[in-house]
Full PDB file with SEQRES, HELIX, SHEET, SSBOND, CRYST1, ORIGX, SCALE, CONECT and MASTER records, all heavy atoms in Angstrom:
SEQRES   1 A   30  GLY LEU SER ALA VAL ALA ILE ALA LYS GLY MET GLY VAL          
SEQRES   2 A   30  LYS ASN VAL ILE SER VAL ASP ILE ASP ASP GLU LYS LEU          
SEQRES   3 A   30  GLU ALA ALA LYS                                              
HELIX    1 AA1 LEU A    2  GLY A   10  1                                   9    
HELIX    2 AA2 ASP A   23  ALA A   29  1                                   7    
CRYST1    1.000    1.000    1.000  90.00  90.00  90.00 P 1           1          
ORIGX1      1.000000  0.000000  0.000000        0.00000                         
ORIGX2      0.000000  1.000000  0.000000        0.00000                         
ORIGX3      0.000000  0.000000  1.000000        0.00000                         
SCALE1      1.000000  0.000000  0.000000        0.00000                         
SCALE2      0.000000  1.000000  0.000000        0.00000                         
SCALE3      0.000000  0.000000  1.000000        0.00000                         
ATOM      1  N   GLY A   1      21.252-128.093 204.921  1.00  0.00           N  
ATOM      2  CA  GLY A   1      19.835-127.804 204.752  1.00  0.00           C  
ATOM      3  C   GLY A   1      19.257-128.391 203.487  1.00  0.00           C  
ATOM      4  O   GLY A   1      18.140-128.941 203.494  1.00  0.00           O  
ATOM      5  N   LEU A   2      19.984-128.294 202.378  1.00  0.00           N  
ATOM      6  CA  LEU A   2      19.496-128.880 201.130  1.00  0.00           C  
ATOM      7  C   LEU A   2      19.409-130.399 201.248  1.00  0.00           C  
ATOM      8  O   LEU A   2      18.454-131.022 200.770  1.00  0.00           O  
ATOM      9  CB  LEU A   2      20.407-128.483 199.962  1.00  0.00           C  
ATOM     10  CG  LEU A   2      20.405-126.999 199.592  1.00  0.00           C  
ATOM     11  CD1 LEU A   2      21.399-126.741 198.462  1.00  0.00           C  
ATOM     12  CD2 LEU A   2      19.009-126.529 199.190  1.00  0.00           C  
ATOM     13  N   SER A   3      20.404-131.003 201.891  1.00  0.00           N  
ATOM     14  CA  SER A   3      20.349-132.453 202.115  1.00  0.00           C  
ATOM     15  C   SER A   3      19.140-132.814 202.971  1.00  0.00           C  
ATOM     16  O   SER A   3      18.469-133.820 202.723  1.00  0.00           O  
ATOM     17  CB  SER A   3      21.626-132.946 202.796  1.00  0.00           C  
ATOM     18  OG  SER A   3      22.732-132.865 201.929  1.00  0.00           O  
ATOM     19  N   ALA A   4      18.847-131.977 203.979  1.00  0.00           N  
ATOM     20  CA  ALA A   4      17.713-132.254 204.862  1.00  0.00           C  
ATOM     21  C   ALA A   4      16.398-132.217 204.098  1.00  0.00           C  
ATOM     22  O   ALA A   4      15.517-133.069 204.314  1.00  0.00           O  
ATOM     23  CB  ALA A   4      17.688-131.256 206.011  1.00  0.00           C  
ATOM     24  N   VAL A   5      16.248-131.239 203.202  1.00  0.00           N  
ATOM     25  CA  VAL A   5      15.026-131.168 202.398  1.00  0.00           C  
ATOM     26  C   VAL A   5      14.894-132.416 201.525  1.00  0.00           C  
ATOM     27  O   VAL A   5      13.834-133.064 201.492  1.00  0.00           O  
ATOM     28  CB  VAL A   5      15.025-129.901 201.510  1.00  0.00           C  
ATOM     29  CG1 VAL A   5      13.868-129.948 200.516  1.00  0.00           C  
ATOM     30  CG2 VAL A   5      14.924-128.649 202.372  1.00  0.00           C  
ATOM     31  N   ALA A   6      15.960-132.753 200.814  1.00  0.00           N  
ATOM     32  CA  ALA A   6      15.910-133.899 199.902  1.00  0.00           C  
ATOM     33  C   ALA A   6      15.649-135.202 200.647  1.00  0.00           C  
ATOM     34  O   ALA A   6      14.862-136.048 200.198  1.00  0.00           O  
ATOM     35  CB  ALA A   6      17.215-133.984 199.112  1.00  0.00           C  
ATOM     36  N   ILE A   7      16.301-135.380 201.790  1.00  0.00           N  
ATOM     37  CA  ILE A   7      16.143-136.629 202.543  1.00  0.00           C  
ATOM     38  C   ILE A   7      14.769-136.688 203.197  1.00  0.00           C  
ATOM     39  O   ILE A   7      14.130-137.755 203.234  1.00  0.00           O  
ATOM     40  CB  ILE A   7      17.278-136.775 203.573  1.00  0.00           C  
ATOM     41  CG1 ILE A   7      18.616-136.978 202.838  1.00  0.00           C  
ATOM     42  CG2 ILE A   7      17.018-137.943 204.519  1.00  0.00           C  
ATOM     43  CD1 ILE A   7      19.833-136.871 203.730  1.00  0.00           C  
ATOM     44  N   ALA A   8      14.276-135.555 203.706  1.00  0.00           N  
ATOM     45  CA  ALA A   8      12.927-135.534 204.290  1.00  0.00           C  
ATOM     46  C   ALA A   8      11.886-135.976 203.264  1.00  0.00           C  
ATOM     47  O   ALA A   8      10.980-136.755 203.569  1.00  0.00           O  
ATOM     48  CB  ALA A   8      12.604-134.141 204.822  1.00  0.00           C  
ATOM     49  N   LYS A   9      12.007-135.462 202.043  1.00  0.00           N  
ATOM     50  CA  LYS A   9      11.075-135.872 200.990  1.00  0.00           C  
ATOM     51  C   LYS A   9      11.247-137.353 200.688  1.00  0.00           C  
ATOM     52  O   LYS A   9      10.267-138.082 200.466  1.00  0.00           O  
ATOM     53  CB  LYS A   9      11.273-135.029 199.737  1.00  0.00           C  
ATOM     54  CG  LYS A   9      11.025-133.531 199.911  1.00  0.00           C  
ATOM     55  CD  LYS A   9       9.637-133.230 200.469  1.00  0.00           C  
ATOM     56  CE  LYS A   9       8.521-133.533 199.473  1.00  0.00           C  
ATOM     57  NZ  LYS A   9       7.193-133.089 199.975  1.00  0.00           N  
ATOM     58  N   GLY A  10      12.495-137.830 200.706  1.00  0.00           N  
ATOM     59  CA  GLY A  10      12.744-139.257 200.481  1.00  0.00           C  
ATOM     60  C   GLY A  10      12.181-140.134 201.573  1.00  0.00           C  
ATOM     61  O   GLY A  10      11.850-141.296 201.342  1.00  0.00           O  
ATOM     62  N   MET A  11      12.054-139.569 202.781  1.00  0.00           N  
ATOM     63  CA  MET A  11      11.484-140.298 203.915  1.00  0.00           C  
ATOM     64  C   MET A  11       9.958-140.223 203.925  1.00  0.00           C  
ATOM     65  O   MET A  11       9.319-140.814 204.791  1.00  0.00           O  
ATOM     66  CB  MET A  11      12.044-139.742 205.223  1.00  0.00           C  
ATOM     67  CG  MET A  11      13.540-139.956 205.401  1.00  0.00           C  
ATOM     68  SD  MET A  11      14.238-139.042 206.813  1.00  0.00           S  
ATOM     69  CE  MET A  11      13.585-139.973 208.207  1.00  0.00           C  
ATOM     70  N   GLY A  12       9.399-139.456 202.997  1.00  0.00           N  
ATOM     71  CA  GLY A  12       7.945-139.420 202.866  1.00  0.00           C  
ATOM     72  C   GLY A  12       7.254-138.251 203.535  1.00  0.00           C  
ATOM     73  O   GLY A  12       6.019-138.262 203.659  1.00  0.00           O  
ATOM     74  N   VAL A  13       8.014-137.224 203.965  1.00  0.00           N  
ATOM     75  CA  VAL A  13       7.373-136.053 204.575  1.00  0.00           C  
ATOM     76  C   VAL A  13       6.657-135.273 203.475  1.00  0.00           C  
ATOM     77  O   VAL A  13       7.266-134.875 202.480  1.00  0.00           O  
ATOM     78  CB  VAL A  13       8.399-135.162 205.289  1.00  0.00           C  
ATOM     79  CG1 VAL A  13       7.700-133.949 205.910  1.00  0.00           C  
ATOM     80  CG2 VAL A  13       9.128-135.956 206.367  1.00  0.00           C  
ATOM     81  N   LYS A  14       5.373-135.017 203.668  1.00  0.00           N  
ATOM     82  CA  LYS A  14       4.567-134.400 202.615  1.00  0.00           C  
ATOM     83  C   LYS A  14       4.812-132.906 202.479  1.00  0.00           C  
ATOM     84  O   LYS A  14       4.885-132.376 201.354  1.00  0.00           O  
ATOM     85  CB  LYS A  14       3.080-134.643 202.890  1.00  0.00           C  
ATOM     86  CG  LYS A  14       2.177-134.129 201.778  1.00  0.00           C  
ATOM     87  CD  LYS A  14       0.706-134.458 202.051  1.00  0.00           C  
ATOM     88  CE  LYS A  14      -0.188-133.919 200.942  1.00  0.00           C  
ATOM     89  NZ  LYS A  14      -1.623-134.209 201.197  1.00  0.00           N  
ATOM     90  N   ASN A  15       4.944-132.195 203.604  1.00  0.00           N  
ATOM     91  CA  ASN A  15       5.022-130.729 203.568  1.00  0.00           C  
ATOM     92  C   ASN A  15       6.324-130.256 204.203  1.00  0.00           C  
ATOM     93  O   ASN A  15       6.503-130.342 205.423  1.00  0.00           O  
ATOM     94  CB  ASN A  15       3.842-130.112 204.318  1.00  0.00           C  
ATOM     95  CG  ASN A  15       2.501-130.558 203.756  1.00  0.00           C  
ATOM     96  OD1 ASN A  15       2.260-130.452 202.556  1.00  0.00           O  
ATOM     97  ND2 ASN A  15       1.639-131.066 204.628  1.00  0.00           N  
ATOM     98  N   VAL A  16       7.230-129.726 203.367  1.00  0.00           N  
ATOM     99  CA  VAL A  16       8.536-129.266 203.841  1.00  0.00           C  
ATOM    100  C   VAL A  16       8.744-127.830 203.404  1.00  0.00           C  
ATOM    101  O   VAL A  16       8.585-127.496 202.224  1.00  0.00           O  
ATOM    102  CB  VAL A  16       9.680-130.145 203.284  1.00  0.00           C  
ATOM    103  CG1 VAL A  16      11.034-129.600 203.752  1.00  0.00           C  
ATOM    104  CG2 VAL A  16       9.511-131.589 203.711  1.00  0.00           C  
ATOM    105  N   ILE A  17       9.110-126.966 204.349  1.00  0.00           N  
ATOM    106  CA  ILE A  17       9.426-125.584 204.031  1.00  0.00           C  
ATOM    107  C   ILE A  17      10.897-125.332 204.315  1.00  0.00           C  
ATOM    108  O   ILE A  17      11.419-125.740 205.355  1.00  0.00           O  
ATOM    109  CB  ILE A  17       8.547-124.586 204.824  1.00  0.00           C  
ATOM    110  CG1 ILE A  17       8.935-123.138 204.485  1.00  0.00           C  
ATOM    111  CG2 ILE A  17       8.593-124.840 206.316  1.00  0.00           C  
ATOM    112  CD1 ILE A  17       7.982-122.102 205.033  1.00  0.00           C  
ATOM    113  N   SER A  18      11.573-124.683 203.377  1.00  0.00           N  
ATOM    114  CA  SER A  18      12.979-124.316 203.538  1.00  0.00           C  
ATOM    115  C   SER A  18      13.061-122.849 203.929  1.00  0.00           C  
ATOM    116  O   SER A  18      12.416-121.988 203.316  1.00  0.00           O  
ATOM    117  CB  SER A  18      13.738-124.558 202.232  1.00  0.00           C  
ATOM    118  OG  SER A  18      15.084-124.122 202.336  1.00  0.00           O  
ATOM    119  N   VAL A  19      13.872-122.555 204.947  1.00  0.00           N  
ATOM    120  CA  VAL A  19      13.985-121.198 205.484  1.00  0.00           C  
ATOM    121  C   VAL A  19      15.436-120.753 205.413  1.00  0.00           C  
ATOM    122  O   VAL A  19      16.338-121.440 205.906  1.00  0.00           O  
ATOM    123  CB  VAL A  19      13.484-121.156 206.947  1.00  0.00           C  
ATOM    124  CG1 VAL A  19      13.561-119.734 207.489  1.00  0.00           C  
ATOM    125  CG2 VAL A  19      12.065-121.704 207.054  1.00  0.00           C  
ATOM    126  N   ASP A  20      15.663-119.590 204.783  1.00  0.00           N  
ATOM    127  CA  ASP A  20      17.025-119.084 204.646  1.00  0.00           C  
ATOM    128  C   ASP A  20      16.951-117.573 204.419  1.00  0.00           C  
ATOM    129  O   ASP A  20      15.860-116.986 204.429  1.00  0.00           O  
ATOM    130  CB  ASP A  20      17.744-119.784 203.478  1.00  0.00           C  
ATOM    131  CG  ASP A  20      19.263-119.707 203.582  1.00  0.00           C  
ATOM    132  OD1 ASP A  20      19.839-118.679 203.179  1.00  0.00           O  
ATOM    133  OD2 ASP A  20      19.877-120.676 204.075  1.00  0.00           O  
ATOM    134  N   ILE A  21      18.116-116.945 204.196  1.00  0.00           N  
ATOM    135  CA  ILE A  21      18.157-115.507 203.908  1.00  0.00           C  
ATOM    136  C   ILE A  21      18.714-115.248 202.514  1.00  0.00           C  
ATOM    137  O   ILE A  21      19.000-114.101 202.162  1.00  0.00           O  
ATOM    138  CB  ILE A  21      18.998-114.747 204.956  1.00  0.00           C  
ATOM    139  CG1 ILE A  21      20.426-115.291 205.023  1.00  0.00           C  
ATOM    140  CG2 ILE A  21      18.334-114.828 206.329  1.00  0.00           C  
ATOM    141  CD1 ILE A  21      21.357-114.475 205.914  1.00  0.00           C  
ATOM    142  N   ASP A  22      18.873-116.312 201.710  1.00  0.00           N  
ATOM    143  CA  ASP A  22      19.479-116.211 200.386  1.00  0.00           C  
ATOM    144  C   ASP A  22      18.521-116.804 199.353  1.00  0.00           C  
ATOM    145  O   ASP A  22      18.238-118.007 199.383  1.00  0.00           O  
ATOM    146  CB  ASP A  22      20.816-116.963 200.384  1.00  0.00           C  
ATOM    147  CG  ASP A  22      21.600-116.794 199.098  1.00  0.00           C  
ATOM    148  OD1 ASP A  22      20.991-116.902 198.013  1.00  0.00           O  
ATOM    149  OD2 ASP A  22      22.824-116.589 199.161  1.00  0.00           O  
ATOM    150  N   ASP A  23      18.014-115.965 198.445  1.00  0.00           N  
ATOM    151  CA  ASP A  23      17.035-116.428 197.465  1.00  0.00           C  
ATOM    152  C   ASP A  23      17.601-117.499 196.535  1.00  0.00           C  
ATOM    153  O   ASP A  23      16.882-118.417 196.118  1.00  0.00           O  
ATOM    154  CB  ASP A  23      16.518-115.256 196.622  1.00  0.00           C  
ATOM    155  CG  ASP A  23      15.519-114.388 197.390  1.00  0.00           C  
ATOM    156  OD1 ASP A  23      14.902-114.905 198.341  1.00  0.00           O  
ATOM    157  OD2 ASP A  23      15.364-113.209 197.033  1.00  0.00           O  
ATOM    158  N   GLU A  24      18.883-117.391 196.194  1.00  0.00           N  
ATOM    159  CA  GLU A  24      19.484-118.394 195.308  1.00  0.00           C  
ATOM    160  C   GLU A  24      19.478-119.767 195.964  1.00  0.00           C  
ATOM    161  O   GLU A  24      19.167-120.780 195.326  1.00  0.00           O  
ATOM    162  CB  GLU A  24      20.916-117.991 194.951  1.00  0.00           C  
ATOM    163  CG  GLU A  24      21.613-118.979 194.017  1.00  0.00           C  
ATOM    164  CD  GLU A  24      23.048-118.599 193.696  1.00  0.00           C  
ATOM    165  OE1 GLU A  24      23.454-117.458 194.007  1.00  0.00           O  
ATOM    166  OE2 GLU A  24      23.766-119.440 193.127  1.00  0.00           O  
ATOM    167  N   LYS A  25      19.793-119.811 197.236  1.00  0.00           N  
ATOM    168  CA  LYS A  25      19.802-121.084 197.953  1.00  0.00           C  
ATOM    169  C   LYS A  25      18.374-121.609 198.150  1.00  0.00           C  
ATOM    170  O   LYS A  25      18.150-122.827 198.123  1.00  0.00           O  
ATOM    171  CB  LYS A  25      20.540-120.934 199.276  1.00  0.00           C  
ATOM    172  CG  LYS A  25      22.030-120.665 199.073  1.00  0.00           C  
ATOM    173  CD  LYS A  25      22.765-120.456 200.384  1.00  0.00           C  
ATOM    174  CE  LYS A  25      24.248-120.206 200.112  1.00  0.00           C  
ATOM    175  NZ  LYS A  25      25.020-119.967 201.349  1.00  0.00           N  
ATOM    176  N   LEU A  26      17.434-120.710 198.318  1.00  0.00           N  
ATOM    177  CA  LEU A  26      16.043-121.142 198.437  1.00  0.00           C  
ATOM    178  C   LEU A  26      15.526-121.714 197.127  1.00  0.00           C  
ATOM    179  O   LEU A  26      14.724-122.661 197.119  1.00  0.00           O  
ATOM    180  CB  LEU A  26      15.169-119.971 198.899  1.00  0.00           C  
ATOM    181  CG  LEU A  26      15.392-119.524 200.351  1.00  0.00           C  
ATOM    182  CD1 LEU A  26      14.634-118.242 200.642  1.00  0.00           C  
ATOM    183  CD2 LEU A  26      14.964-120.631 201.324  1.00  0.00           C  
ATOM    184  N   GLU A  27      15.984-121.185 195.997  1.00  0.00           N  
ATOM    185  CA  GLU A  27      15.635-121.769 194.702  1.00  0.00           C  
ATOM    186  C   GLU A  27      16.200-123.174 194.590  1.00  0.00           C  
ATOM    187  O   GLU A  27      15.546-124.080 194.057  1.00  0.00           O  
ATOM    188  CB  GLU A  27      16.159-120.893 193.559  1.00  0.00           C  
ATOM    189  CG  GLU A  27      15.316-119.666 193.283  1.00  0.00           C  
ATOM    190  CD  GLU A  27      13.888-120.021 192.880  1.00  0.00           C  
ATOM    191  OE1 GLU A  27      13.708-120.923 192.040  1.00  0.00           O  
ATOM    192  OE2 GLU A  27      12.950-119.398 193.425  1.00  0.00           O  
ATOM    193  N   ALA A  28      17.415-123.363 195.094  1.00  0.00           N  
ATOM    194  CA  ALA A  28      18.010-124.704 195.101  1.00  0.00           C  
ATOM    195  C   ALA A  28      17.185-125.649 195.966  1.00  0.00           C  
ATOM    196  O   ALA A  28      17.026-126.838 195.638  1.00  0.00           O  
ATOM    197  CB  ALA A  28      19.450-124.642 195.600  1.00  0.00           C  
ATOM    198  N   ALA A  29      16.646-125.129 197.062  1.00  0.00           N  
ATOM    199  CA  ALA A  29      15.804-125.956 197.938  1.00  0.00           C  
ATOM    200  C   ALA A  29      14.538-126.407 197.220  1.00  0.00           C  
ATOM    201  O   ALA A  29      14.095-127.553 197.366  1.00  0.00           O  
ATOM    202  CB  ALA A  29      15.447-125.190 199.206  1.00  0.00           C  
ATOM    203  N   LYS A  30      13.955-125.509 196.428  1.00  0.00           N  
ATOM    204  CA  LYS A  30      12.793-125.912 195.628  1.00  0.00           C  
ATOM    205  C   LYS A  30      13.171-127.040 194.684  1.00  0.00           C  
ATOM    206  O   LYS A  30      12.393-127.978 194.447  1.00  0.00           O  
ATOM    207  CB  LYS A  30      12.274-124.722 194.822  1.00  0.00           C  
ATOM    208  CG  LYS A  30      11.617-123.621 195.629  1.00  0.00           C  
ATOM    209  CD  LYS A  30      11.158-122.501 194.695  1.00  0.00           C  
ATOM    210  CE  LYS A  30      10.594-121.314 195.430  1.00  0.00           C  
ATOM    211  NZ  LYS A  30      10.209-120.218 194.501  1.00  0.00           N  
TER     212      LYS A  30                                                      
MASTER        0    0    0    2    0    0    0    6  211    1    0    3          
END                                                                             
């Protein structure tokens, strides 16, 4: 999931939301 967020932004996707059940991992997604 973290790779997907980073790569999506690298591909130029403007709006990406990360969805999980762990706040620590969601902070990593930010």
